[in-house]
């Protein structure tokens, strides 16, 4: 089966990561495995537009009314021996299973996406509380601070641009300016780095009137 190959598994995961779930489902159908496309449909939030509607004509219902049950099945699948790393990551991404996603992560951005994807999933479930989730789902409640601390200790995030990205996401302008200033004072600062940091400063000044860098930044 085509969708069982490692390359296609990575392709499906890439599509899901880009938010193109429908395209991933079409790929499964084209490959002759519509059941896999149906399985990928289970993560969707349930919505019945007829519930508060005064229209006589019924509207189609969206999503999965048994979404919590689907998540339990997805978590069990992620723990199954026959499943490949990419398959675990695929269903882990759709069910909020960080442990299943991380083995498929290779780059700094892979890890950053995996953590924040799971954070968003937990935030959604925290608001819904619509069913019994997998036993380990709430074992670790992810916070932005936890993500910054965990990824910040990863050797892949040691580069200037990765550190600046973490500071921008966290909104810590003081730490951003400190990192930028220290890099400019180092022997490793290139002309491209200096040009980039100057443009970054101009953009921050435009977005945040009154933004003032330390005198050393000039």
N, C-alpha and C. Protein backbone atom coordinates (compact mmCIF):
# COMPACT_ATOMS: atom_id res chain seq x y z
N UNK A 1 0.84 -1.19 0.00
CA UNK A 1 0.00 0.00 0.00
C UNK A 1 0.87 1.23 0.00
N UNK A 2 0.53 2.21 -0.86
CA UNK A 2 1.38 3.38 -1.02
C UNK A 2 1.50 4.19 0.25
N UNK A 3 0.37 4.36 0.97
CA UNK A 3 0.39 5.23 2.15
C UNK A 3 1.15 4.60 3.31
N UNK A 4 1.60 3.38 3.17
CA UNK A 4 2.34 2.75 4.25
C UNK A 4 3.84 3.01 4.13
N UNK A 5 4.27 3.58 3.01
CA UNK A 5 5.69 3.84 2.83
C UNK A 5 6.12 4.98 3.72
N UNK A 6 7.41 4.97 4.05
CA UNK A 6 7.94 5.99 4.96
C UNK A 6 7.83 7.38 4.36
N UNK A 7 8.10 7.50 3.05
CA UNK A 7 8.06 8.82 2.41
C UNK A 7 6.66 9.39 2.41
N UNK A 8 5.65 8.55 2.15
CA UNK A 8 4.28 9.04 2.13
C UNK A 8 3.80 9.37 3.54
N UNK A 9 4.27 8.60 4.53
CA UNK A 9 3.93 8.91 5.90
C UNK A 9 4.43 10.29 6.30
N UNK A 10 5.65 10.60 5.89
CA UNK A 10 6.20 11.93 6.16
C UNK A 10 5.41 13.00 5.43
N UNK A 11 4.96 12.66 4.21
CA UNK A 11 4.17 13.60 3.42
C UNK A 11 2.86 13.92 4.12
N UNK A 12 2.19 12.90 4.62
CA UNK A 12 0.94 13.10 5.34
C UNK A 12 1.15 13.97 6.57
N UNK A 13 2.22 13.70 7.29
CA UNK A 13 2.52 14.47 8.50
C UNK A 13 2.81 15.92 8.14
N UNK A 14 3.53 16.13 7.04
CA UNK A 14 3.84 17.49 6.59
C UNK A 14 2.58 18.25 6.23
N UNK A 15 1.65 17.58 5.57
CA UNK A 15 0.39 18.22 5.20
C UNK A 15 -0.43 18.59 6.43
N UNK A 16 -0.49 17.68 7.38
CA UNK A 16 -1.24 17.95 8.61
C UNK A 16 -0.61 19.10 9.38
N UNK A 17 0.71 19.11 9.41
CA UNK A 17 1.41 20.19 10.11
C UNK A 17 1.11 21.55 9.47
N UNK A 18 0.93 21.55 8.15
CA UNK A 18 0.63 22.79 7.43
C UNK A 18 -0.85 23.15 7.49
N UNK A 19 -1.65 22.34 8.19
CA UNK A 19 -3.07 22.61 8.29
C UNK A 19 -3.86 22.15 7.09
N UNK A 20 -3.25 21.34 6.25
CA UNK A 20 -3.90 20.87 5.01
C UNK A 20 -4.38 19.43 5.19
N UNK A 21 -5.25 19.26 6.18
CA UNK A 21 -5.75 17.92 6.51
C UNK A 21 -6.57 17.35 5.36
N UNK A 22 -7.39 18.20 4.74
CA UNK A 22 -8.22 17.72 3.63
C UNK A 22 -7.35 17.18 2.50
N UNK A 23 -6.25 17.85 2.22
CA UNK A 23 -5.34 17.39 1.17
C UNK A 23 -4.71 16.06 1.55
N UNK A 24 -4.39 15.89 2.83
CA UNK A 24 -3.84 14.62 3.29
C UNK A 24 -4.87 13.50 3.13
N UNK A 25 -6.13 13.82 3.40
CA UNK A 25 -7.19 12.83 3.24
C UNK A 25 -7.37 12.45 1.77
N UNK A 26 -7.28 13.42 0.89
CA UNK A 26 -7.40 13.14 -0.54
C UNK A 26 -6.27 12.23 -1.01
N UNK A 27 -5.09 12.44 -0.45
CA UNK A 27 -3.95 11.59 -0.80
C UNK A 27 -4.22 10.14 -0.40
N UNK A 28 -4.81 9.96 0.78
CA UNK A 28 -5.14 8.61 1.24
C UNK A 28 -6.17 7.95 0.32
N UNK A 29 -7.18 8.72 -0.08
CA UNK A 29 -8.22 8.19 -0.96
C UNK A 29 -7.63 7.81 -2.32
N UNK A 30 -6.77 8.69 -2.84
CA UNK A 30 -6.13 8.42 -4.13
C UNK A 30 -5.28 7.15 -4.05
N UNK A 31 -4.68 6.91 -2.90
CA UNK A 31 -3.82 5.75 -2.72
C UNK A 31 -4.62 4.48 -2.45
N UNK A 32 -5.94 4.58 -2.44
CA UNK A 32 -6.76 3.40 -2.27
C UNK A 32 -7.03 3.01 -0.83
N UNK A 33 -6.85 3.95 0.10
CA UNK A 33 -7.13 3.66 1.51
C UNK A 33 -8.06 4.73 2.08
N UNK A 34 -9.31 4.74 1.64
CA UNK A 34 -10.27 5.74 2.16
C UNK A 34 -10.52 5.61 3.65
N UNK A 35 -10.31 4.42 4.20
CA UNK A 35 -10.51 4.24 5.63
C UNK A 35 -9.54 5.10 6.44
N UNK A 36 -8.33 5.29 5.89
CA UNK A 36 -7.36 6.13 6.60
C UNK A 36 -7.81 7.59 6.59
N UNK A 37 -8.40 8.01 5.47
CA UNK A 37 -8.94 9.37 5.40
C UNK A 37 -10.07 9.54 6.41
N UNK A 38 -10.90 8.50 6.56
CA UNK A 38 -12.01 8.55 7.52
C UNK A 38 -11.50 8.64 8.95
N UNK A 39 -10.43 7.90 9.24
CA UNK A 39 -9.83 7.94 10.58
C UNK A 39 -9.34 9.35 10.89
N UNK A 40 -8.76 10.01 9.90
CA UNK A 40 -8.24 11.37 10.10
C UNK A 40 -9.34 12.40 10.28
N UNK A 41 -10.59 12.00 10.05
CA UNK A 41 -11.72 12.91 10.20
C UNK A 41 -12.16 13.02 11.66
N UNK A 42 -11.74 12.04 12.49
CA UNK A 42 -12.27 11.96 13.85
C UNK A 42 -11.88 13.06 14.80
N UNK A 43 -10.86 13.84 14.49
CA UNK A 43 -10.38 14.87 15.41
C UNK A 43 -11.24 16.13 15.39
N UNK A 44 -12.09 16.26 14.37
CA UNK A 44 -12.81 17.52 14.18
C UNK A 44 -13.83 17.79 15.28
N UNK A 45 -13.93 19.05 15.67
CA UNK A 45 -14.89 19.47 16.68
C UNK A 45 -16.32 19.31 16.17
N UNK A 46 -17.18 18.83 17.04
CA UNK A 46 -18.58 18.60 16.66
C UNK A 46 -19.35 19.92 16.68
N UNK A 47 -20.13 20.13 15.62
CA UNK A 47 -20.96 21.34 15.55
C UNK A 47 -22.24 21.04 14.80
N UNK A 48 -23.36 21.31 15.44
CA UNK A 48 -24.67 21.11 14.83
C UNK A 48 -25.31 22.48 14.63
N UNK A 49 -25.28 22.99 13.40
CA UNK A 49 -25.84 24.33 13.14
C UNK A 49 -27.35 24.40 13.31
N UNK A 50 -28.00 23.25 13.42
CA UNK A 50 -29.46 23.23 13.56
C UNK A 50 -29.92 23.47 15.00
N UNK A 51 -28.99 23.39 15.92
CA UNK A 51 -29.34 23.46 17.34
C UNK A 51 -29.97 24.81 17.70
N UNK A 52 -29.41 25.89 17.15
CA UNK A 52 -29.95 27.23 17.45
C UNK A 52 -30.49 27.88 16.17
N UNK A 53 -30.95 27.07 15.24
CA UNK A 53 -31.43 27.60 13.97
C UNK A 53 -32.95 27.55 13.89
N UNK A 54 -33.52 28.59 13.26
CA UNK A 54 -34.96 28.64 13.07
C UNK A 54 -35.35 28.25 11.64
N UNK A 55 -34.38 27.84 10.85
CA UNK A 55 -34.65 27.47 9.47
C UNK A 55 -35.37 26.12 9.40
N UNK A 56 -36.24 26.00 8.42
CA UNK A 56 -36.97 24.75 8.23
C UNK A 56 -36.10 23.67 7.63
N UNK A 57 -35.16 24.08 6.78
CA UNK A 57 -34.28 23.11 6.13
C UNK A 57 -33.09 22.79 7.03
N UNK A 58 -32.87 21.51 7.26
CA UNK A 58 -31.77 21.09 8.12
C UNK A 58 -30.43 21.30 7.43
N UNK A 59 -29.47 21.76 8.23
CA UNK A 59 -28.11 21.96 7.73
C UNK A 59 -27.25 20.77 8.11
N UNK A 60 -26.23 20.47 7.32
CA UNK A 60 -25.36 19.32 7.64
C UNK A 60 -24.59 19.52 8.94
N UNK A 61 -24.49 18.45 9.70
CA UNK A 61 -23.75 18.47 10.96
C UNK A 61 -22.26 18.29 10.67
N UNK A 62 -21.42 18.97 11.41
CA UNK A 62 -19.98 18.91 11.20
C UNK A 62 -19.29 18.25 12.39
N UNK A 63 -18.17 17.61 12.12
CA UNK A 63 -17.33 17.09 13.19
C UNK A 63 -17.76 15.75 13.74
N UNK A 64 -17.13 15.38 14.84
CA UNK A 64 -17.31 14.05 15.44
C UNK A 64 -17.92 14.19 16.83
N UNK A 65 -19.12 13.68 16.99
CA UNK A 65 -19.80 13.78 18.28
C UNK A 65 -19.09 12.92 19.33
N UNK A 66 -18.36 11.89 18.88
CA UNK A 66 -17.60 11.02 19.79
C UNK A 66 -16.11 11.34 19.73
N UNK A 67 -15.79 12.61 19.71
CA UNK A 67 -14.41 13.05 19.56
C UNK A 67 -13.51 12.56 20.70
N UNK A 68 -14.01 12.58 21.92
CA UNK A 68 -13.21 12.11 23.06
C UNK A 68 -12.88 10.63 22.92
N UNK A 69 -13.86 9.85 22.47
CA UNK A 69 -13.62 8.43 22.24
C UNK A 69 -12.58 8.22 21.15
N UNK A 70 -12.68 9.02 20.09
CA UNK A 70 -11.69 8.94 19.00
C UNK A 70 -10.29 9.23 19.52
N UNK A 71 -10.17 10.22 20.41
CA UNK A 71 -8.86 10.57 20.95
C UNK A 71 -8.28 9.41 21.77
N UNK A 72 -9.12 8.75 22.52
CA UNK A 72 -8.65 7.59 23.28
C UNK A 72 -8.11 6.51 22.34
N UNK A 73 -8.83 6.26 21.24
CA UNK A 73 -8.38 5.26 20.27
C UNK A 73 -7.07 5.69 19.62
N UNK A 74 -6.96 7.00 19.31
CA UNK A 74 -5.74 7.51 18.68
C UNK A 74 -4.54 7.34 19.61
N UNK A 75 -4.74 7.60 20.90
CA UNK A 75 -3.65 7.44 21.86
C UNK A 75 -3.24 5.98 21.97
N UNK A 76 -4.21 5.08 21.94
CA UNK A 76 -3.89 3.65 21.99
C UNK A 76 -3.12 3.24 20.75
N UNK A 77 -3.51 3.78 19.60
CA UNK A 77 -2.80 3.47 18.36
C UNK A 77 -1.35 3.95 18.43
N UNK A 78 -1.14 5.13 19.01
CA UNK A 78 0.22 5.68 19.12
C UNK A 78 1.12 4.80 19.99
N UNK A 79 0.52 4.00 20.86
CA UNK A 79 1.29 3.11 21.73
C UNK A 79 1.44 1.71 21.15
N UNK A 80 0.89 1.49 19.96
CA UNK A 80 0.95 0.15 19.36
C UNK A 80 2.29 -0.08 18.68
N UNK A 81 2.78 -1.29 18.78
CA UNK A 81 4.09 -1.64 18.25
C UNK A 81 4.19 -1.53 16.73
N UNK A 82 3.18 -1.97 15.96
CA UNK A 82 3.32 -1.94 14.50
C UNK A 82 3.37 -0.54 13.89
N UNK A 83 2.90 0.46 14.62
CA UNK A 83 2.83 1.81 14.07
C UNK A 83 4.23 2.39 13.87
N UNK A 84 4.42 3.05 12.73
CA UNK A 84 5.71 3.69 12.46
C UNK A 84 5.81 5.02 13.21
N UNK A 85 6.99 5.58 13.23
CA UNK A 85 7.21 6.86 13.91
C UNK A 85 6.34 7.95 13.31
N UNK A 86 6.27 7.98 11.98
CA UNK A 86 5.48 9.02 11.32
C UNK A 86 3.99 8.83 11.55
N UNK A 87 3.52 7.59 11.59
CA UNK A 87 2.10 7.34 11.86
C UNK A 87 1.75 7.77 13.28
N UNK A 88 2.63 7.44 14.23
CA UNK A 88 2.37 7.87 15.61
C UNK A 88 2.30 9.41 15.69
N UNK A 89 3.24 10.05 15.01
CA UNK A 89 3.28 11.51 15.04
C UNK A 89 2.05 12.11 14.37
N UNK A 90 1.59 11.47 13.30
CA UNK A 90 0.42 11.96 12.57
C UNK A 90 -0.81 11.98 13.47
N UNK A 91 -1.10 10.86 14.10
CA UNK A 91 -2.29 10.79 14.96
C UNK A 91 -2.03 11.47 16.31
N UNK A 92 -0.77 11.54 16.70
CA UNK A 92 -0.44 12.29 17.90
C UNK A 92 -0.71 13.77 17.72
N UNK A 93 -0.42 14.29 16.52
CA UNK A 93 -0.67 15.70 16.24
C UNK A 93 -2.16 16.01 16.24
N UNK A 94 -2.97 15.06 15.82
CA UNK A 94 -4.42 15.27 15.76
C UNK A 94 -5.12 15.02 17.09
N UNK A 95 -4.41 14.38 18.02
CA UNK A 95 -5.05 14.02 19.30
C UNK A 95 -4.37 14.64 20.51
N UNK A 96 -3.39 15.51 20.30
CA UNK A 96 -2.74 16.17 21.43
C UNK A 96 -1.78 15.29 22.20
N UNK A 97 -1.11 14.38 21.50
CA UNK A 97 -0.18 13.45 22.14
C UNK A 97 1.26 13.86 21.82
N UNK A 98 1.83 14.71 22.66
CA UNK A 98 3.16 15.23 22.42
C UNK A 98 4.21 14.13 22.38
N UNK A 99 4.08 13.15 23.26
CA UNK A 99 5.04 12.05 23.33
C UNK A 99 5.12 11.31 22.00
N UNK A 100 4.02 11.25 21.28
CA UNK A 100 4.00 10.56 19.99
C UNK A 100 4.58 11.41 18.87
N UNK A 101 4.53 12.72 19.03
CA UNK A 101 5.02 13.62 17.98
C UNK A 101 6.53 13.80 18.02
N UNK A 102 7.08 13.94 19.21
CA UNK A 102 8.49 14.32 19.36
C UNK A 102 9.49 13.40 18.65
N UNK A 103 9.29 12.06 18.63
CA UNK A 103 10.27 11.22 17.93
C UNK A 103 10.40 11.52 16.44
N UNK A 104 9.39 12.14 15.85
CA UNK A 104 9.45 12.48 14.44
C UNK A 104 10.03 13.87 14.19
N UNK A 105 10.33 14.59 15.26
CA UNK A 105 10.86 15.95 15.15
C UNK A 105 12.38 15.92 14.96
N UNK A 106 12.85 16.68 14.01
CA UNK A 106 14.28 16.71 13.72
C UNK A 106 14.89 18.10 13.93
N UNK A 107 14.16 19.13 13.59
CA UNK A 107 14.69 20.49 13.65
C UNK A 107 14.12 21.27 14.82
N UNK A 108 14.67 22.44 15.02
CA UNK A 108 14.18 23.36 16.04
C UNK A 108 12.72 23.69 15.81
N UNK A 109 12.35 23.97 14.56
CA UNK A 109 10.98 24.34 14.25
C UNK A 109 10.03 23.16 14.40
N UNK A 110 10.51 21.95 14.15
CA UNK A 110 9.68 20.76 14.37
C UNK A 110 9.27 20.68 15.84
N UNK A 111 10.26 20.83 16.71
CA UNK A 111 9.98 20.74 18.15
C UNK A 111 9.08 21.89 18.60
N UNK A 112 9.34 23.09 18.11
CA UNK A 112 8.53 24.25 18.50
C UNK A 112 7.08 24.05 18.10
N UNK A 113 6.86 23.55 16.88
CA UNK A 113 5.49 23.31 16.41
C UNK A 113 4.82 22.23 17.25
N UNK A 114 5.53 21.14 17.53
CA UNK A 114 4.95 20.02 18.28
C UNK A 114 4.46 20.48 19.65
N UNK A 115 5.28 21.25 20.34
CA UNK A 115 4.91 21.72 21.67
C UNK A 115 3.71 22.66 21.63
N UNK A 116 3.73 23.62 20.71
CA UNK A 116 2.64 24.58 20.66
C UNK A 116 1.36 23.96 20.10
N UNK A 117 1.49 22.99 19.20
CA UNK A 117 0.31 22.28 18.71
C UNK A 117 -0.40 21.57 19.86
N UNK A 118 0.39 20.95 20.73
CA UNK A 118 -0.17 20.26 21.88
C UNK A 118 -0.75 21.24 22.89
N UNK A 119 -0.09 22.37 23.06
CA UNK A 119 -0.59 23.41 23.96
C UNK A 119 -1.97 23.89 23.51
N UNK A 120 -2.12 24.15 22.22
CA UNK A 120 -3.41 24.59 21.68
C UNK A 120 -4.48 23.52 21.89
N UNK A 121 -4.10 22.26 21.67
CA UNK A 121 -5.05 21.16 21.86
C UNK A 121 -5.53 21.12 23.31
N UNK A 122 -4.61 21.28 24.24
CA UNK A 122 -5.00 21.27 25.66
C UNK A 122 -5.88 22.46 26.01
N UNK A 123 -5.60 23.61 25.43
CA UNK A 123 -6.41 24.79 25.71
C UNK A 123 -7.85 24.58 25.21
N UNK A 124 -7.98 23.98 24.03
CA UNK A 124 -9.31 23.71 23.47
C UNK A 124 -10.07 22.73 24.36
N UNK A 125 -9.40 21.64 24.73
CA UNK A 125 -10.06 20.63 25.57
C UNK A 125 -10.41 21.19 26.94
N UNK A 126 -9.58 22.09 27.44
CA UNK A 126 -9.86 22.71 28.73
C UNK A 126 -11.12 23.54 28.72
N UNK A 127 -11.44 24.10 27.56
CA UNK A 127 -12.66 24.90 27.43
C UNK A 127 -13.88 24.01 27.19
N UNK A 128 -13.68 22.90 26.47
CA UNK A 128 -14.82 22.05 26.11
C UNK A 128 -15.27 21.14 27.24
N UNK A 129 -14.32 20.38 27.79
CA UNK A 129 -14.63 19.41 28.84
C UNK A 129 -15.83 18.56 28.43
N UNK A 130 -15.75 18.01 27.20
CA UNK A 130 -16.92 17.33 26.65
C UNK A 130 -16.83 15.81 26.68
N UNK A 131 -15.90 15.26 27.41
CA UNK A 131 -15.82 13.80 27.44
C UNK A 131 -14.57 13.34 28.17
N UNK A 132 -14.51 12.05 28.39
CA UNK A 132 -13.37 11.48 29.09
C UNK A 132 -12.20 11.32 28.14
N UNK A 133 -11.13 12.03 28.42
CA UNK A 133 -9.95 12.00 27.57
C UNK A 133 -9.00 10.88 28.01
N UNK A 134 -7.98 10.58 27.21
CA UNK A 134 -7.02 9.54 27.58
C UNK A 134 -6.44 9.79 28.98
N UNK A 135 -6.15 8.73 29.74
CA UNK A 135 -5.68 8.88 31.13
C UNK A 135 -4.47 9.80 31.29
N UNK A 136 -3.56 9.76 30.33
CA UNK A 136 -2.34 10.57 30.45
C UNK A 136 -2.44 11.94 29.79
N UNK A 137 -3.63 12.28 29.30
CA UNK A 137 -3.77 13.53 28.55
C UNK A 137 -3.39 14.74 29.40
N UNK A 138 -3.85 14.77 30.64
CA UNK A 138 -3.58 15.91 31.51
C UNK A 138 -2.41 15.63 32.46
N UNK A 139 -1.62 14.61 32.16
CA UNK A 139 -0.50 14.27 33.03
C UNK A 139 0.46 15.45 33.14
N UNK A 140 0.66 16.15 32.03
CA UNK A 140 1.50 17.34 32.03
C UNK A 140 0.74 18.47 31.36
N UNK A 141 0.45 19.51 32.11
CA UNK A 141 -0.23 20.68 31.54
C UNK A 141 0.83 21.61 30.97
N UNK A 142 0.80 21.76 29.68
CA UNK A 142 1.83 22.54 28.99
C UNK A 142 1.52 24.03 29.08
N UNK A 143 2.55 24.82 29.34
CA UNK A 143 2.45 26.27 29.37
C UNK A 143 3.52 26.86 28.45
N UNK A 144 3.32 28.08 27.98
CA UNK A 144 4.35 28.71 27.15
C UNK A 144 5.70 28.76 27.85
N UNK A 145 5.67 29.04 29.16
CA UNK A 145 6.93 29.11 29.91
C UNK A 145 7.65 27.77 29.89
N UNK A 146 6.90 26.68 30.00
CA UNK A 146 7.50 25.35 29.96
C UNK A 146 8.15 25.10 28.59
N UNK A 147 7.48 25.56 27.54
CA UNK A 147 8.01 25.38 26.19
C UNK A 147 9.32 26.15 26.02
N UNK A 148 9.33 27.41 26.45
CA UNK A 148 10.54 28.22 26.31
C UNK A 148 11.71 27.60 27.06
N UNK A 149 11.40 27.12 28.27
CA UNK A 149 12.47 26.54 29.10
C UNK A 149 12.98 25.25 28.49
N UNK A 150 12.07 24.40 28.03
CA UNK A 150 12.46 23.09 27.49
C UNK A 150 13.23 23.24 26.17
N UNK A 151 12.66 24.00 25.25
CA UNK A 151 13.31 24.17 23.94
C UNK A 151 14.54 25.04 24.06
N UNK A 152 14.52 25.98 24.98
CA UNK A 152 15.68 26.85 25.17
C UNK A 152 16.92 26.08 25.60
N UNK A 153 16.71 24.94 26.26
CA UNK A 153 17.85 24.12 26.70
C UNK A 153 18.33 23.18 25.60
N UNK A 154 17.56 23.09 24.51
CA UNK A 154 17.93 22.19 23.41
C UNK A 154 19.05 22.82 22.61
N UNK A 155 20.04 22.01 22.26
CA UNK A 155 21.20 22.53 21.53
C UNK A 155 20.81 23.09 20.17
N UNK A 156 19.65 22.64 19.62
CA UNK A 156 19.22 23.13 18.32
C UNK A 156 18.77 24.58 18.38
N UNK A 157 18.48 25.10 19.57
CA UNK A 157 17.98 26.46 19.70
C UNK A 157 19.09 27.44 20.09
N UNK A 158 20.33 27.01 19.97
CA UNK A 158 21.44 27.84 20.42
C UNK A 158 21.76 28.97 19.45
N UNK A 159 21.28 28.90 18.21
CA UNK A 159 21.57 29.93 17.22
C UNK A 159 20.87 31.24 17.52
N UNK A 160 21.40 32.31 16.97
CA UNK A 160 20.85 33.64 17.20
C UNK A 160 19.39 33.73 16.80
N UNK A 161 19.05 33.28 15.61
CA UNK A 161 17.71 33.44 15.10
C UNK A 161 16.69 32.63 15.90
N UNK A 162 17.08 31.46 16.34
CA UNK A 162 16.18 30.65 17.15
C UNK A 162 15.93 31.31 18.50
N UNK A 163 16.97 31.85 19.10
CA UNK A 163 16.79 32.53 20.38
C UNK A 163 15.90 33.76 20.24
N UNK A 164 16.09 34.50 19.16
CA UNK A 164 15.25 35.68 18.93
C UNK A 164 13.80 35.29 18.70
N UNK A 165 13.58 34.19 18.00
CA UNK A 165 12.22 33.71 17.78
C UNK A 165 11.53 33.38 19.10
N UNK A 166 12.24 32.70 20.00
CA UNK A 166 11.66 32.37 21.30
C UNK A 166 11.32 33.63 22.09
N UNK A 167 12.19 34.63 22.03
CA UNK A 167 11.93 35.89 22.74
C UNK A 167 10.73 36.61 22.15
N UNK A 168 10.60 36.59 20.81
CA UNK A 168 9.47 37.25 20.16
C UNK A 168 8.16 36.56 20.51
N UNK A 169 8.17 35.23 20.51
CA UNK A 169 6.95 34.48 20.83
C UNK A 169 6.52 34.74 22.27
N UNK A 170 7.50 34.81 23.16
CA UNK A 170 7.19 35.02 24.57
C UNK A 170 6.91 36.49 24.88
N UNK A 171 7.25 37.38 23.94
CA UNK A 171 7.04 38.80 24.17
C UNK A 171 8.04 39.42 25.12
N UNK A 172 9.17 38.74 25.32
CA UNK A 172 10.19 39.24 26.25
C UNK A 172 11.18 40.11 25.48
N UNK A 173 10.85 41.39 25.37
CA UNK A 173 11.69 42.32 24.60
C UNK A 173 13.02 42.59 25.29
N UNK A 174 13.02 42.53 26.61
CA UNK A 174 14.27 42.77 27.34
C UNK A 174 15.28 41.67 27.02
N UNK A 175 14.82 40.42 27.06
CA UNK A 175 15.70 39.31 26.73
C UNK A 175 16.13 39.36 25.27
N UNK A 176 15.23 39.79 24.39
CA UNK A 176 15.57 39.90 22.97
C UNK A 176 16.69 40.90 22.76
N UNK A 177 16.55 42.07 23.38
CA UNK A 177 17.57 43.10 23.22
C UNK A 177 18.90 42.68 23.84
N UNK A 178 18.83 41.95 24.96
CA UNK A 178 20.05 41.46 25.59
C UNK A 178 20.77 40.49 24.67
N UNK A 179 20.02 39.57 24.08
CA UNK A 179 20.61 38.60 23.16
C UNK A 179 21.21 39.30 21.95
N UNK A 180 20.48 40.27 21.41
CA UNK A 180 20.96 40.99 20.24
C UNK A 180 22.22 41.79 20.54
N UNK A 181 22.20 42.47 21.69
CA UNK A 181 23.35 43.30 22.07
C UNK A 181 24.59 42.44 22.29
N UNK A 182 24.43 41.32 22.99
CA UNK A 182 25.56 40.44 23.24
C UNK A 182 26.13 39.85 21.95
N UNK A 183 25.23 39.56 21.01
CA UNK A 183 25.70 39.00 19.73
C UNK A 183 26.46 40.05 18.93
N UNK A 184 25.95 41.28 18.92
CA UNK A 184 26.63 42.34 18.19
C UNK A 184 28.02 42.61 18.76
N UNK A 185 28.19 42.40 20.05
CA UNK A 185 29.49 42.66 20.69
C UNK A 185 30.45 41.50 20.52
N UNK A 186 29.93 40.38 20.02
CA UNK A 186 30.79 39.20 19.87
C UNK A 186 31.54 39.24 18.55
N UNK A 187 32.58 38.44 18.50
CA UNK A 187 33.41 38.38 17.29
C UNK A 187 32.70 37.63 16.16
N UNK A 188 31.66 36.89 16.51
CA UNK A 188 30.97 36.09 15.50
C UNK A 188 29.89 36.85 14.75
N UNK A 189 29.65 38.11 15.09
CA UNK A 189 28.60 38.88 14.43
C UNK A 189 29.00 39.20 12.99
N UNK A 190 28.19 38.79 12.05
CA UNK A 190 28.46 39.03 10.63
C UNK A 190 27.73 40.29 10.17
N UNK A 191 28.07 40.73 8.97
CA UNK A 191 27.39 41.90 8.39
C UNK A 191 25.90 41.60 8.22
N UNK A 192 25.58 40.38 7.83
CA UNK A 192 24.17 39.99 7.66
C UNK A 192 23.42 40.04 8.99
N UNK A 193 24.10 39.59 10.06
CA UNK A 193 23.48 39.64 11.39
C UNK A 193 23.17 41.08 11.78
N UNK A 194 24.13 41.98 11.55
CA UNK A 194 23.94 43.38 11.93
C UNK A 194 22.81 44.00 11.12
N UNK A 195 22.75 43.68 9.83
CA UNK A 195 21.69 44.21 8.98
C UNK A 195 20.32 43.69 9.44
N UNK A 196 20.27 42.41 9.76
CA UNK A 196 19.01 41.82 10.21
C UNK A 196 18.54 42.46 11.52
N UNK A 197 19.45 42.62 12.46
CA UNK A 197 19.08 43.16 13.77
C UNK A 197 18.63 44.62 13.65
N UNK A 198 19.23 45.36 12.75
CA UNK A 198 18.79 46.75 12.53
C UNK A 198 17.37 46.78 11.97
N UNK A 199 17.09 45.91 11.02
CA UNK A 199 15.74 45.84 10.45
C UNK A 199 14.73 45.38 11.51
N UNK A 200 15.14 44.44 12.34
CA UNK A 200 14.27 43.95 13.41
C UNK A 200 13.92 45.08 14.37
N UNK A 201 14.92 45.88 14.71
CA UNK A 201 14.71 47.01 15.61
C UNK A 201 13.74 48.02 15.01
N UNK A 202 13.87 48.28 13.71
CA UNK A 202 12.96 49.22 13.05
C UNK A 202 11.53 48.70 13.05
N UNK A 203 11.36 47.41 12.81
CA UNK A 203 10.02 46.82 12.80
C UNK A 203 9.40 46.88 14.19
N UNK A 204 10.18 46.58 15.22
CA UNK A 204 9.67 46.63 16.59
C UNK A 204 9.29 48.05 16.98
N UNK A 205 10.07 49.00 16.52
CA UNK A 205 9.77 50.41 16.80
C UNK A 205 8.48 50.83 16.11
N UNK A 206 8.24 50.26 14.91
CA UNK A 206 7.02 50.58 14.17
C UNK A 206 5.80 49.95 14.83
N UNK A 207 5.95 48.71 15.29
CA UNK A 207 4.83 48.00 15.90
C UNK A 207 4.55 48.46 17.32
N UNK A 208 5.60 48.89 18.01
CA UNK A 208 5.46 49.30 19.41
C UNK A 208 6.02 50.71 19.58
N UNK A 209 5.20 51.72 19.34
CA UNK A 209 5.67 53.11 19.52
C UNK A 209 6.21 53.33 20.93
N UNK A 210 7.35 54.01 21.00
CA UNK A 210 7.97 54.22 22.30
C UNK A 210 8.97 53.16 22.66
N UNK A 211 9.06 52.14 21.80
CA UNK A 211 10.04 51.07 22.03
C UNK A 211 11.44 51.68 21.97
N UNK A 212 12.20 51.46 23.02
CA UNK A 212 13.53 52.08 23.09
C UNK A 212 14.58 51.05 23.44
N UNK A 213 15.52 50.80 22.55
CA UNK A 213 16.61 49.86 22.85
C UNK A 213 17.61 50.51 23.78
N UNK A 214 18.43 49.74 24.43
CA UNK A 214 19.47 50.29 25.31
C UNK A 214 20.49 51.05 24.48
N UNK A 215 21.21 52.01 25.09
CA UNK A 215 22.21 52.80 24.36
C UNK A 215 23.26 51.94 23.67
N UNK A 216 23.58 50.78 24.26
CA UNK A 216 24.62 49.93 23.68
C UNK A 216 24.21 49.37 22.34
N UNK A 217 22.90 49.35 22.05
CA UNK A 217 22.43 48.78 20.79
C UNK A 217 22.75 49.69 19.62
N UNK A 218 22.94 50.95 19.90
CA UNK A 218 23.26 51.89 18.83
C UNK A 218 24.73 51.80 18.42
